[in-house]
Amino acid sequence: MKKGIFLIMIFFSFMLFSLEKSGIKEYDQLNLSKGKIIGYYDKDSNFTEDKTLAMYYRKVFSENKGLYLVVDFYTQSDTPQFIYKTMDPEDRGKILGKAVYYDLFGNILYVADMKNGMFNGKRKLYENGKVIFETEFLDNKMNGTGFKYLNGKKVFQAEYVDEKMDGDVIIYNSDGTVSIIETFEMGKLLSVKVKNHNLQKTGIPEYDNLDIKENKIFIYYDMDKKITSNTSDRVFFYRKILKEENGVFLVADFLMYSDSILGISKVRNPKDKYGITNEGYSVEYCESGYLISKAFYKNGKLDGEEILYDNFGNPKTINTYKDGKLINTDYLESN
C-alpha cells in the first residue's frame, strides 16, 4: 500500500514537471525529445547493458568540431539530470564548458564551468531557483572569492586557496552591514573583529535581560564540544555560569576569539554540552548574533516547540516534540 501511494505521488509530481531555465540559451532551447541514446549507466556511473540497473541514460544531441552536446536523463522520470558538452560522449571526464545539473524534479542544483571533467571557473549552487553559493574553482578545488546568499542577500564572503579559507571572511547583517570579519591563514583562524553585532531577542525575558558580560569563565571547550584548557590550540569557546536555582544552572557559551555569544541554556550539569541534562529553554546563535534555534527541554529531552531559523534570524521550521519524539513539522516561508 505504501509503495502504491509513493508511486502515485511521483506520478502527480511529474504531471506538474517544469524544467528550470539555466540562462544558457543553447541548453534551454533544446528539444529534449530528440537526440540519440548511446548508453545506460548504473549508480556508480558505469555503463550497463541491464536497463533495470540503470540510474540514468545518455543522449547525444549534436556535434561541432569534436565537441558533443550531451544530456543525461534520469531513468525514473525521463527528465534531465545533467546537460553539458564533452570531447567524448562516453566519458564524463572529458566535459568542457558550461554544465547544468538538475534534481529529479527539474530544479537546478548547480551551473558550473568545467574542463577535463572537473570544476574549473565559476560554480553556482541553487536552491528553490535562487543562487545560494558561488565561487571560483581550479581543478575541482575552491580557489578565489566565495559568496553565500539568502534570498538574494549576501550572508558572507570568503577567500579560498585549495579549499581552505585564506584571508578575510566577512559575515553580513540582513541590512547589508558588516557584522564580523574573521581573518584566516590557510584554514587557521587568526583573528576576529566584531563590527555591527547585535544579539537577536529570543522572546524569553529571562534570557533577553541577562547581563552576559558578568561572571567568571567556568570551562573551555574545543570545536568537538570536548572539555579542554584555555592554553590549548584547539580551544574554541568557553562557558560561564550565570546563576543556579534548585540544581539547574543557567549557562552561556561564548566564542573564544570574539567573546560573542553562541548560546544560552539551562542544564543540571554545567559541564554538559550535549543537551543530555537540559531543562527548560535552550537557544543557539550564529556568529553574527542571529538565532539558529530555540527549543524547550524536559528531563534532557525535547518537549514542545523547536524553532529553526535561517541565516538572518527568520523562523523557517517549527518542530513539535513530545518526550523526545517528533510529532509534527511546519515549514515556514522565509523572508
C-alpha atoms as a PDB file:
ATOM      1  CA  MET A   1       0.000   0.000   0.000  1.00  0.00           C
ATOM      2  CA  LYS A   2       2.800   2.437   0.938  1.00  0.00           C
ATOM      3  CA  LYS A   3       4.599   1.675  -2.326  1.00  0.00           C
ATOM      4  CA  GLY A   4       1.393   2.432  -4.236  1.00  0.00           C
ATOM      5  CA  ILE A   5       0.968   5.795  -2.511  1.00  0.00           C
ATOM      6  CA  PHE A   6       4.606   6.679  -3.273  1.00  0.00           C
ATOM      7  CA  LEU A   7       4.164   5.880  -6.976  1.00  0.00           C
ATOM      8  CA  ILE A   8       1.002   7.986  -7.140  1.00  0.00           C
ATOM      9  CA  MET A   9       2.873  10.927  -5.586  1.00  0.00           C
ATOM     10  CA  ILE A  10       5.698  10.537  -8.105  1.00  0.00           C
ATOM     11  CA  PHE A  11       3.160  10.380 -10.972  1.00  0.00           C
ATOM     12  CA  PHE A  12       1.435  13.622  -9.996  1.00  0.00           C
ATOM     13  CA  SER A  13       4.778  15.339  -9.361  1.00  0.00           C
ATOM     14  CA  PHE A  14       5.862  14.691 -12.945  1.00  0.00           C
ATOM     15  CA  MET A  15       2.498  15.818 -14.321  1.00  0.00           C
ATOM     16  CA  LEU A  16       3.487  19.205 -12.883  1.00  0.00           C
ATOM     17  CA  PHE A  17       7.098  18.911 -14.082  1.00  0.00           C
ATOM     18  CA  SER A  18       8.764  22.048 -15.375  1.00  0.00           C
ATOM     19  CA  LEU A  19      12.498  22.305 -16.110  1.00  0.00           C
ATOM     20  CA  GLU A  20      14.111  25.406 -14.612  1.00  0.00           C
ATOM     21  CA  LYS A  21      15.879  27.672 -17.090  1.00  0.00           C
ATOM     22  CA  SER A  22      19.654  27.744 -16.770  1.00  0.00           C
ATOM     23  CA  GLY A  23      20.227  31.013 -18.592  1.00  0.00           C
ATOM     24  CA  ILE A  24      22.282  29.134 -21.203  1.00  0.00           C
ATOM     25  CA  LYS A  25      20.286  29.691 -24.398  1.00  0.00           C
ATOM     26  CA  GLU A  26      21.582  26.635 -26.271  1.00  0.00           C
ATOM     27  CA  TYR A  27      20.622  24.359 -23.366  1.00  0.00           C
ATOM     28  CA  ASP A  28      17.297  25.981 -22.546  1.00  0.00           C
ATOM     29  CA  GLN A  29      16.066  25.721 -26.142  1.00  0.00           C
ATOM     30  CA  LEU A  30      16.861  22.024 -26.558  1.00  0.00           C
ATOM     31  CA  ASN A  31      14.092  19.764 -27.791  1.00  0.00           C
ATOM     32  CA  LEU A  32      14.602  17.060 -25.181  1.00  0.00           C
ATOM     33  CA  SER A  33      12.523  14.532 -27.106  1.00  0.00           C
ATOM     34  CA  LYS A  34      15.218  14.498 -29.813  1.00  0.00           C
ATOM     35  CA  GLY A  35      18.771  13.187 -29.538  1.00  0.00           C
ATOM     36  CA  LYS A  36      20.211   9.695 -29.807  1.00  0.00           C
ATOM     37  CA  ILE A  37      20.509   7.348 -26.815  1.00  0.00           C
ATOM     38  CA  ILE A  38      24.065   5.992 -26.636  1.00  0.00           C
ATOM     39  CA  GLY A  39      24.053   4.135 -23.328  1.00  0.00           C
ATOM     40  CA  TYR A  40      22.655   3.359 -19.891  1.00  0.00           C
ATOM     41  CA  TYR A  41      24.583   3.858 -16.642  1.00  0.00           C
ATOM     42  CA  ASP A  42      24.304   2.473 -13.105  1.00  0.00           C
ATOM     43  CA  LYS A  43      24.508   4.283  -9.743  1.00  0.00           C
ATOM     44  CA  ASP A  44      28.320   4.342  -9.985  1.00  0.00           C
ATOM     45  CA  SER A  45      28.189   5.913 -13.476  1.00  0.00           C
ATOM     46  CA  ASN A  46      29.384   2.697 -15.081  1.00  0.00           C
ATOM     47  CA  PHE A  47      27.951   1.581 -18.426  1.00  0.00           C
ATOM     48  CA  THR A  48      25.394  -1.217 -18.077  1.00  0.00           C
ATOM     49  CA  GLU A  49      23.508  -3.321 -20.599  1.00  0.00           C
ATOM     50  CA  ASP A  50      20.899  -4.147 -17.956  1.00  0.00           C
ATOM     51  CA  LYS A  51      18.409  -1.267 -18.168  1.00  0.00           C
ATOM     52  CA  THR A  52      16.787  -2.340 -14.888  1.00  0.00           C
ATOM     53  CA  LEU A  53      20.038  -1.355 -13.100  1.00  0.00           C
ATOM     54  CA  ALA A  54      20.361   1.979 -14.873  1.00  0.00           C
ATOM     55  CA  MET A  55      20.074   5.200 -12.876  1.00  0.00           C
ATOM     56  CA  TYR A  56      20.349   7.374 -15.983  1.00  0.00           C
ATOM     57  CA  TYR A  57      20.746   7.159 -19.744  1.00  0.00           C
ATOM     58  CA  ARG A  58      22.662   9.395 -22.123  1.00  0.00           C
ATOM     59  CA  LYS A  59      21.607  11.168 -25.313  1.00  0.00           C
ATOM     60  CA  VAL A  60      23.824  12.956 -27.824  1.00  0.00           C
ATOM     61  CA  PHE A  61      22.123  15.956 -29.441  1.00  0.00           C
ATOM     62  CA  SER A  62      24.783  17.491 -31.666  1.00  0.00           C
ATOM     63  CA  GLU A  63      28.483  17.614 -32.517  1.00  0.00           C
ATOM     64  CA  ASN A  64      30.516  20.645 -33.562  1.00  0.00           C
ATOM     65  CA  LYS A  65      34.267  20.478 -34.185  1.00  0.00           C
ATOM     66  CA  GLY A  66      34.716  17.482 -31.930  1.00  0.00           C
ATOM     67  CA  LEU A  67      32.591  18.884 -29.095  1.00  0.00           C
ATOM     68  CA  TYR A  68      29.371  16.971 -28.344  1.00  0.00           C
ATOM     69  CA  LEU A  69      26.238  18.354 -26.693  1.00  0.00           C
ATOM     70  CA  VAL A  70      25.049  15.662 -24.289  1.00  0.00           C
ATOM     71  CA  VAL A  71      22.158  15.221 -21.850  1.00  0.00           C
ATOM     72  CA  ASP A  72      21.948  12.538 -19.185  1.00  0.00           C
ATOM     73  CA  PHE A  73      18.358  11.639 -18.191  1.00  0.00           C
ATOM     74  CA  TYR A  74      17.015  10.053 -15.005  1.00  0.00           C
ATOM     75  CA  THR A  75      15.562   6.673 -15.984  1.00  0.00           C
ATOM     76  CA  GLN A  76      12.968   7.031 -13.224  1.00  0.00           C
ATOM     77  CA  SER A  77      11.424  10.166 -14.690  1.00  0.00           C
ATOM     78  CA  ASP A  78      12.926  10.657 -18.185  1.00  0.00           C
ATOM     79  CA  THR A  79      13.884  14.173 -17.056  1.00  0.00           C
ATOM     80  CA  PRO A  80      17.342  15.782 -17.476  1.00  0.00           C
ATOM     81  CA  GLN A  81      19.951  15.138 -14.827  1.00  0.00           C
ATOM     82  CA  PHE A  82      23.000  16.711 -16.459  1.00  0.00           C
ATOM     83  CA  ILE A  83      23.435  18.911 -19.559  1.00  0.00           C
ATOM     84  CA  TYR A  84      26.972  19.525 -20.796  1.00  0.00           C
ATOM     85  CA  LYS A  85      29.445  19.500 -23.656  1.00  0.00           C
ATOM     86  CA  THR A  86      32.200  16.940 -23.929  1.00  0.00           C
ATOM     87  CA  MET A  87      35.027  15.829 -26.189  1.00  0.00           C
ATOM     88  CA  ASP A  88      33.990  12.201 -25.639  1.00  0.00           C
ATOM     89  CA  PRO A  89      30.263  11.435 -25.118  1.00  0.00           C
ATOM     90  CA  GLU A  90      31.114   8.176 -23.364  1.00  0.00           C
ATOM     91  CA  ASP A  91      33.362   9.817 -20.761  1.00  0.00           C
ATOM     92  CA  ARG A  92      32.271  12.414 -18.169  1.00  0.00           C
ATOM     93  CA  GLY A  93      35.958  13.060 -17.598  1.00  0.00           C
ATOM     94  CA  LYS A  94      36.076  14.922 -20.913  1.00  0.00           C
ATOM     95  CA  ILE A  95      33.438  17.577 -20.098  1.00  0.00           C
ATOM     96  CA  LEU A  96      34.405  21.032 -21.345  1.00  0.00           C
ATOM     97  CA  GLY A  97      32.475  24.293 -20.892  1.00  0.00           C
ATOM     98  CA  LYS A  98      29.178  25.053 -19.152  1.00  0.00           C
ATOM     99  CA  ALA A  99      27.393  22.239 -17.304  1.00  0.00           C
ATOM    100  CA  VAL A 100      23.980  22.238 -15.609  1.00  0.00           C
ATOM    101  CA  TYR A 101      22.922  19.671 -13.009  1.00  0.00           C
ATOM    102  CA  TYR A 102      19.240  19.061 -12.077  1.00  0.00           C
ATOM    103  CA  ASP A 103      17.398  17.139  -9.400  1.00  0.00           C
ATOM    104  CA  LEU A 104      14.671  14.609 -10.204  1.00  0.00           C
ATOM    105  CA  PHE A 105      12.005  17.338 -10.382  1.00  0.00           C
ATOM    106  CA  GLY A 106      13.761  19.712 -12.779  1.00  0.00           C
ATOM    107  CA  ASN A 107      15.213  22.075 -10.186  1.00  0.00           C
ATOM    108  CA  ILE A 108      18.730  23.331 -10.895  1.00  0.00           C
ATOM    109  CA  LEU A 109      21.306  22.223  -8.333  1.00  0.00           C
ATOM    110  CA  TYR A 110      24.296  23.922  -9.933  1.00  0.00           C
ATOM    111  CA  VAL A 111      25.643  25.646 -13.042  1.00  0.00           C
ATOM    112  CA  ALA A 112      29.394  25.330 -13.489  1.00  0.00           C
ATOM    113  CA  ASP A 113      32.329  25.913 -15.810  1.00  0.00           C
ATOM    114  CA  MET A 114      34.173  22.632 -16.377  1.00  0.00           C
ATOM    115  CA  LYS A 115      37.369  21.416 -18.001  1.00  0.00           C
ATOM    116  CA  ASN A 116      38.525  17.790 -18.267  1.00  0.00           C
ATOM    117  CA  GLY A 117      35.512  16.734 -16.205  1.00  0.00           C
ATOM    118  CA  MET A 118      36.499  18.959 -13.256  1.00  0.00           C
ATOM    119  CA  PHE A 119      35.178  22.258 -11.963  1.00  0.00           C
ATOM    120  CA  ASN A 120      37.327  24.984 -13.485  1.00  0.00           C
ATOM    121  CA  GLY A 121      35.966  28.503 -13.325  1.00  0.00           C
ATOM    122  CA  LYS A 122      32.769  29.680 -11.680  1.00  0.00           C
ATOM    123  CA  ARG A 123      30.240  27.377  -9.994  1.00  0.00           C
ATOM    124  CA  LYS A 124      26.849  28.491  -8.675  1.00  0.00           C
ATOM    125  CA  LEU A 125      24.764  26.365  -6.302  1.00  0.00           C
ATOM    126  CA  TYR A 126      20.971  26.819  -6.371  1.00  0.00           C
ATOM    127  CA  GLU A 127      18.054  26.219  -4.025  1.00  0.00           C
ATOM    128  CA  ASN A 128      14.432  26.932  -4.974  1.00  0.00           C
ATOM    129  CA  GLY A 129      15.628  28.637  -8.136  1.00  0.00           C
ATOM    130  CA  LYS A 130      17.937  31.066  -6.350  1.00  0.00           C
ATOM    131  CA  VAL A 131      21.724  31.176  -6.107  1.00  0.00           C
ATOM    132  CA  ILE A 132      22.803  30.277  -2.564  1.00  0.00           C
ATOM    133  CA  PHE A 133      26.560  29.942  -3.046  1.00  0.00           C
ATOM    134  CA  GLU A 134      29.052  30.802  -5.778  1.00  0.00           C
ATOM    135  CA  THR A 135      32.814  30.644  -6.020  1.00  0.00           C
ATOM    136  CA  GLU A 136      35.729  30.044  -8.378  1.00  0.00           C
ATOM    137  CA  PHE A 137      37.296  26.614  -8.849  1.00  0.00           C
ATOM    138  CA  LEU A 138      40.627  25.355 -10.110  1.00  0.00           C
ATOM    139  CA  ASP A 139      40.867  21.611 -10.843  1.00  0.00           C
ATOM    140  CA  ASN A 140      37.913  20.763  -8.569  1.00  0.00           C
ATOM    141  CA  LYS A 141      39.161  22.860  -5.643  1.00  0.00           C
ATOM    142  CA  MET A 142      37.754  26.185  -4.456  1.00  0.00           C
ATOM    143  CA  ASN A 143      40.201  28.956  -5.284  1.00  0.00           C
ATOM    144  CA  GLY A 144      39.130  32.583  -5.193  1.00  0.00           C
ATOM    145  CA  THR A 145      36.304  34.540  -3.615  1.00  0.00           C
ATOM    146  CA  GLY A 146      33.182  32.709  -2.470  1.00  0.00           C
ATOM    147  CA  PHE A 147      29.793  34.240  -1.702  1.00  0.00           C
ATOM    148  CA  LYS A 148      26.824  32.814   0.199  1.00  0.00           C
ATOM    149  CA  TYR A 149      23.332  34.290  -0.274  1.00  0.00           C
ATOM    150  CA  LEU A 150      19.928  34.100   1.334  1.00  0.00           C
ATOM    151  CA  ASN A 151      17.025  35.283  -0.842  1.00  0.00           C
ATOM    152  CA  GLY A 152      19.430  37.380  -2.872  1.00  0.00           C
ATOM    153  CA  LYS A 153      21.085  38.975   0.162  1.00  0.00           C
ATOM    154  CA  LYS A 154      24.753  38.345   0.853  1.00  0.00           C
ATOM    155  CA  VAL A 155      25.296  36.317   4.044  1.00  0.00           C
ATOM    156  CA  PHE A 156      29.085  36.066   3.867  1.00  0.00           C
ATOM    157  CA  GLN A 157      32.083  36.126   1.571  1.00  0.00           C
ATOM    158  CA  ALA A 158      35.397  34.357   1.928  1.00  0.00           C
ATOM    159  CA  GLU A 159      38.713  33.898   0.149  1.00  0.00           C
ATOM    160  CA  TYR A 160      39.741  30.306  -0.623  1.00  0.00           C
ATOM    161  CA  VAL A 161      43.052  28.705  -1.559  1.00  0.00           C
ATOM    162  CA  ASP A 162      42.889  24.966  -2.310  1.00  0.00           C
ATOM    163  CA  GLU A 163      39.589  24.597  -0.417  1.00  0.00           C
ATOM    164  CA  LYS A 164      40.916  26.394   2.684  1.00  0.00           C
ATOM    165  CA  MET A 165      39.875  29.848   3.868  1.00  0.00           C
ATOM    166  CA  ASP A 166      42.800  32.230   3.420  1.00  0.00           C
ATOM    167  CA  GLY A 167      42.265  35.913   4.105  1.00  0.00           C
ATOM    168  CA  ASP A 168      39.186  37.727   5.378  1.00  0.00           C
ATOM    169  CA  VAL A 169      35.819  36.068   5.932  1.00  0.00           C
ATOM    170  CA  ILE A 170      33.101  38.728   6.126  1.00  0.00           C
ATOM    171  CA  ILE A 171      29.763  37.955   7.790  1.00  0.00           C
ATOM    172  CA  TYR A 172      26.886  40.319   6.984  1.00  0.00           C
ATOM    173  CA  ASN A 173      23.754  41.534   8.725  1.00  0.00           C
ATOM    174  CA  SER A 174      20.402  41.443   6.916  1.00  0.00           C
ATOM    175  CA  ASP A 175      20.695  45.173   6.112  1.00  0.00           C
ATOM    176  CA  GLY A 176      23.990  44.595   4.298  1.00  0.00           C
ATOM    177  CA  THR A 177      26.243  45.992   7.023  1.00  0.00           C
ATOM    178  CA  VAL A 178      29.282  44.012   8.147  1.00  0.00           C
ATOM    179  CA  SER A 179      28.792  42.098  11.394  1.00  0.00           C
ATOM    180  CA  ILE A 180      32.081  40.241  11.840  1.00  0.00           C
ATOM    181  CA  ILE A 181      35.408  39.967   9.998  1.00  0.00           C
ATOM    182  CA  GLU A 182      37.388  36.789  10.604  1.00  0.00           C
ATOM    183  CA  THR A 183      40.944  36.507   9.279  1.00  0.00           C
ATOM    184  CA  PHE A 184      42.272  33.079   8.264  1.00  0.00           C
ATOM    185  CA  GLU A 185      45.606  31.756   7.091  1.00  0.00           C
ATOM    186  CA  MET A 186      45.231  28.503   5.143  1.00  0.00           C
ATOM    187  CA  GLY A 187      42.268  27.378   7.242  1.00  0.00           C
ATOM    188  CA  LYS A 188      43.583  28.575  10.596  1.00  0.00           C
ATOM    189  CA  LEU A 189      41.638  31.357  12.333  1.00  0.00           C
ATOM    190  CA  LEU A 190      43.980  34.194  13.295  1.00  0.00           C
ATOM    191  CA  SER A 191      41.693  36.978  14.497  1.00  0.00           C
ATOM    192  CA  VAL A 192      38.104  38.201  14.783  1.00  0.00           C
ATOM    193  CA  LYS A 193      36.889  41.780  14.536  1.00  0.00           C
ATOM    194  CA  VAL A 194      33.352  42.478  15.740  1.00  0.00           C
ATOM    195  CA  LYS A 195      31.622  45.315  13.877  1.00  0.00           C
ATOM    196  CA  ASN A 196      27.835  45.900  13.897  1.00  0.00           C
ATOM    197  CA  HIS A 197      26.978  42.949  16.129  1.00  0.00           C
ATOM    198  CA  ASN A 198      23.522  42.924  17.719  1.00  0.00           C
ATOM    199  CA  LEU A 199      22.163  39.920  19.580  1.00  0.00           C
ATOM    200  CA  GLN A 200      18.703  38.907  18.355  1.00  0.00           C
ATOM    201  CA  LYS A 201      15.977  38.821  21.004  1.00  0.00           C
ATOM    202  CA  THR A 202      14.717  35.372  21.919  1.00  0.00           C
ATOM    203  CA  GLY A 203      11.316  36.368  23.299  1.00  0.00           C
ATOM    204  CA  ILE A 204      12.340  34.805  26.627  1.00  0.00           C
ATOM    205  CA  PRO A 205      12.513  37.729  29.111  1.00  0.00           C
ATOM    206  CA  GLU A 206      14.858  35.895  31.477  1.00  0.00           C
ATOM    207  CA  TYR A 207      17.381  35.423  28.661  1.00  0.00           C
ATOM    208  CA  ASP A 208      16.930  38.750  26.881  1.00  0.00           C
ATOM    209  CA  ASN A 209      17.539  40.744  30.088  1.00  0.00           C
ATOM    210  CA  LEU A 210      20.744  38.937  31.109  1.00  0.00           C
ATOM    211  CA  ASP A 211      23.982  40.820  31.693  1.00  0.00           C
ATOM    212  CA  ILE A 212      26.052  38.199  29.899  1.00  0.00           C
ATOM    213  CA  LYS A 213      29.365  40.004  30.486  1.00  0.00           C
ATOM    214  CA  GLU A 214      29.297  39.294  34.204  1.00  0.00           C
ATOM    215  CA  ASN A 215      30.562  36.137  35.937  1.00  0.00           C
ATOM    216  CA  LYS A 216      33.835  34.271  35.556  1.00  0.00           C
ATOM    217  CA  ILE A 217      34.687  31.698  32.904  1.00  0.00           C
ATOM    218  CA  PHE A 218      33.758  28.239  34.184  1.00  0.00           C
ATOM    219  CA  ILE A 219      35.109  25.884  31.499  1.00  0.00           C
ATOM    220  CA  TYR A 220      36.629  25.732  27.987  1.00  0.00           C
ATOM    221  CA  TYR A 221      35.651  23.526  25.013  1.00  0.00           C
ATOM    222  CA  ASP A 222      37.108  22.639  21.606  1.00  0.00           C
ATOM    223  CA  MET A 223      35.190  22.514  18.309  1.00  0.00           C
ATOM    224  CA  ASP A 224      34.031  18.966  19.086  1.00  0.00           C
ATOM    225  CA  LYS A 225      32.431  20.180  22.354  1.00  0.00           C
ATOM    226  CA  LYS A 226      35.085  18.364  24.383  1.00  0.00           C
ATOM    227  CA  ILE A 227      36.474  19.974  27.525  1.00  0.00           C
ATOM    228  CA  THR A 228      39.946  21.481  27.060  1.00  0.00           C
ATOM    229  CA  SER A 229      42.267  24.034  28.657  1.00  0.00           C
ATOM    230  CA  ASN A 230      42.424  27.726  27.842  1.00  0.00           C
ATOM    231  CA  THR A 231      46.028  27.240  26.644  1.00  0.00           C
ATOM    232  CA  SER A 232      45.133  24.529  24.113  1.00  0.00           C
ATOM    233  CA  ASP A 233      45.430  25.420  20.432  1.00  0.00           C
ATOM    234  CA  ARG A 234      42.081  23.631  19.978  1.00  0.00           C
ATOM    235  CA  VAL A 235      40.085  25.845  22.345  1.00  0.00           C
ATOM    236  CA  PHE A 236      37.062  27.257  20.512  1.00  0.00           C
ATOM    237  CA  PHE A 237      34.551  28.560  23.050  1.00  0.00           C
ATOM    238  CA  TYR A 238      34.077  28.971  26.772  1.00  0.00           C
ATOM    239  CA  ARG A 239      31.176  28.739  29.215  1.00  0.00           C
ATOM    240  CA  LYS A 240      30.014  30.950  32.056  1.00  0.00           C
ATOM    241  CA  ILE A 241      27.581  30.007  34.820  1.00  0.00           C
ATOM    242  CA  LEU A 242      25.191  32.934  35.157  1.00  0.00           C
ATOM    243  CA  LYS A 243      23.119  31.601  38.042  1.00  0.00           C
ATOM    244  CA  GLU A 244      21.875  28.444  39.762  1.00  0.00           C
ATOM    245  CA  GLU A 245      18.436  27.661  41.147  1.00  0.00           C
ATOM    246  CA  ASN A 246      17.175  24.366  42.559  1.00  0.00           C
ATOM    247  CA  GLY A 247      20.019  22.424  40.980  1.00  0.00           C
ATOM    248  CA  VAL A 248      19.502  23.906  37.499  1.00  0.00           C
ATOM    249  CA  PHE A 249      22.295  26.085  36.090  1.00  0.00           C
ATOM    250  CA  LEU A 250      21.748  28.937  33.642  1.00  0.00           C
ATOM    251  CA  VAL A 251      24.824  28.937  31.390  1.00  0.00           C
ATOM    252  CA  ALA A 252      26.043  30.946  28.393  1.00  0.00           C
ATOM    253  CA  ASP A 253      28.649  29.942  25.820  1.00  0.00           C
ATOM    254  CA  PHE A 254      30.964  32.439  24.097  1.00  0.00           C
ATOM    255  CA  LEU A 255      33.200  32.262  21.030  1.00  0.00           C
ATOM    256  CA  MET A 256      36.795  32.371  22.242  1.00  0.00           C
ATOM    257  CA  TYR A 257      38.131  34.703  19.546  1.00  0.00           C
ATOM    258  CA  SER A 258      35.478  37.407  19.675  1.00  0.00           C
ATOM    259  CA  ASP A 259      33.666  36.869  23.005  1.00  0.00           C
ATOM    260  CA  SER A 260      30.384  36.896  21.060  1.00  0.00           C
ATOM    261  CA  ILE A 261      27.662  34.688  22.492  1.00  0.00           C
ATOM    262  CA  LEU A 262      26.915  31.309  20.916  1.00  0.00           C
ATOM    263  CA  GLY A 263      24.156  30.021  23.170  1.00  0.00           C
ATOM    264  CA  ILE A 264      22.180  30.194  26.403  1.00  0.00           C
ATOM    265  CA  SER A 265      20.678  27.182  28.122  1.00  0.00           C
ATOM    266  CA  LYS A 266      19.623  25.633  31.393  1.00  0.00           C
ATOM    267  CA  VAL A 267      21.355  22.411  32.448  1.00  0.00           C
ATOM    268  CA  ARG A 268      21.532  20.205  35.503  1.00  0.00           C
ATOM    269  CA  ASN A 269      25.207  19.529  34.833  1.00  0.00           C
ATOM    270  CA  PRO A 270      27.081  22.762  33.977  1.00  0.00           C
ATOM    271  CA  LYS A 271      29.759  20.775  32.110  1.00  0.00           C
ATOM    272  CA  ASP A 272      27.211  19.110  29.799  1.00  0.00           C
ATOM    273  CA  LYS A 273      27.423  20.450  26.241  1.00  0.00           C
ATOM    274  CA  TYR A 274      25.452  17.634  24.585  1.00  0.00           C
ATOM    275  CA  GLY A 275      21.988  18.506  25.938  1.00  0.00           C
ATOM    276  CA  ILE A 276      21.524  15.339  27.976  1.00  0.00           C
ATOM    277  CA  THR A 277      20.826  17.340  31.154  1.00  0.00           C
ATOM    278  CA  ASN A 278      18.975  20.255  29.533  1.00  0.00           C
ATOM    279  CA  GLU A 279      15.990  21.608  31.442  1.00  0.00           C
ATOM    280  CA  GLY A 280      13.962  24.482  30.007  1.00  0.00           C
ATOM    281  CA  TYR A 281      14.813  26.752  27.081  1.00  0.00           C
ATOM    282  CA  SER A 282      17.989  26.380  25.030  1.00  0.00           C
ATOM    283  CA  VAL A 283      18.939  28.892  22.325  1.00  0.00           C
ATOM    284  CA  GLU A 284      21.789  28.946  19.818  1.00  0.00           C
ATOM    285  CA  TYR A 285      23.214  31.891  17.887  1.00  0.00           C
ATOM    286  CA  CYS A 286      25.357  32.190  14.790  1.00  0.00           C
ATOM    287  CA  GLU A 287      28.450  34.389  14.931  1.00  0.00           C
ATOM    288  CA  SER A 288      26.573  37.407  13.578  1.00  0.00           C
ATOM    289  CA  GLY A 289      24.143  37.327  16.520  1.00  0.00           C
ATOM    290  CA  TYR A 290      21.111  35.902  14.746  1.00  0.00           C
ATOM    291  CA  LEU A 291      19.273  32.956  16.266  1.00  0.00           C
ATOM    292  CA  ILE A 292      19.953  29.473  14.889  1.00  0.00           C
ATOM    293  CA  SER A 293      17.489  27.617  17.098  1.00  0.00           C
ATOM    294  CA  LYS A 294      15.247  27.904  20.142  1.00  0.00           C
ATOM    295  CA  ALA A 295      13.944  24.790  21.862  1.00  0.00           C
ATOM    296  CA  PHE A 296      12.364  23.626  25.113  1.00  0.00           C
ATOM    297  CA  TYR A 297      13.658  20.602  27.048  1.00  0.00           C
ATOM    298  CA  LYS A 298      12.261  18.486  29.826  1.00  0.00           C
ATOM    299  CA  ASN A 299      14.418  15.894  31.583  1.00  0.00           C
ATOM    300  CA  GLY A 300      17.054  16.209  28.873  1.00  0.00           C
ATOM    301  CA  LYS A 301      14.575  15.572  26.030  1.00  0.00           C
ATOM    302  CA  LEU A 302      12.996  17.920  23.533  1.00  0.00           C
ATOM    303  CA  ASP A 303       9.459  18.637  24.673  1.00  0.00           C
ATOM    304  CA  GLY A 304       7.401  21.292  22.928  1.00  0.00           C
ATOM    305  CA  GLU A 305       8.472  23.546  20.065  1.00  0.00           C
ATOM    306  CA  GLU A 306      11.888  23.632  18.443  1.00  0.00           C
ATOM    307  CA  ILE A 307      12.201  26.636  16.115  1.00  0.00           C
ATOM    308  CA  LEU A 308      14.941  26.651  13.467  1.00  0.00           C
ATOM    309  CA  TYR A 309      15.984  29.937  11.841  1.00  0.00           C
ATOM    310  CA  ASP A 310      17.618  30.993   8.567  1.00  0.00           C
ATOM    311  CA  ASN A 311      20.887  32.957   8.340  1.00  0.00           C
ATOM    312  CA  PHE A 312      19.126  36.237   9.116  1.00  0.00           C
ATOM    313  CA  GLY A 313      17.147  35.020  12.128  1.00  0.00           C
ATOM    314  CA  ASN A 314      13.836  34.378  10.356  1.00  0.00           C
ATOM    315  CA  PRO A 315      11.919  31.279  11.559  1.00  0.00           C
ATOM    316  CA  LYS A 316      11.942  28.635   8.813  1.00  0.00           C
ATOM    317  CA  THR A 317      10.916  25.398  10.547  1.00  0.00           C
ATOM    318  CA  ILE A 318       8.928  24.553  13.665  1.00  0.00           C
ATOM    319  CA  ASN A 319       9.299  21.023  15.009  1.00  0.00           C
ATOM    320  CA  THR A 320       6.971  19.864  17.772  1.00  0.00           C
ATOM    321  CA  TYR A 321       8.227  17.207  20.197  1.00  0.00           C
ATOM    322  CA  LYS A 322       6.687  15.176  22.988  1.00  0.00           C
ATOM    323  CA  ASP A 323       9.054  13.438  25.401  1.00  0.00           C
ATOM    324  CA  GLY A 324      11.857  13.491  22.811  1.00  0.00           C
ATOM    325  CA  LYS A 325       9.722  12.233  19.924  1.00  0.00           C
ATOM    326  CA  LEU A 326       8.999  14.377  16.852  1.00  0.00           C
ATOM    327  CA  ILE A 327       5.233  14.586  16.320  1.00  0.00           C
ATOM    328  CA  ASN A 328       4.864  17.437  13.810  1.00  0.00           C
ATOM    329  CA  THR A 329       6.870  19.695  11.472  1.00  0.00           C
ATOM    330  CA  ASP A 330       5.739  23.004   9.967  1.00  0.00           C
ATOM    331  CA  TYR A 331       7.761  24.676   7.207  1.00  0.00           C
ATOM    332  CA  LEU A 332       7.512  28.463   7.091  1.00  0.00           C
ATOM    333  CA  GLU A 333       8.072  30.832   4.196  1.00  0.00           C
ATOM    334  CA  SER A 334      11.453  32.524   4.659  1.00  0.00           C
ATOM    335  CA  ASN A 335      11.519  36.331   4.488  1.00  0.00           C
END
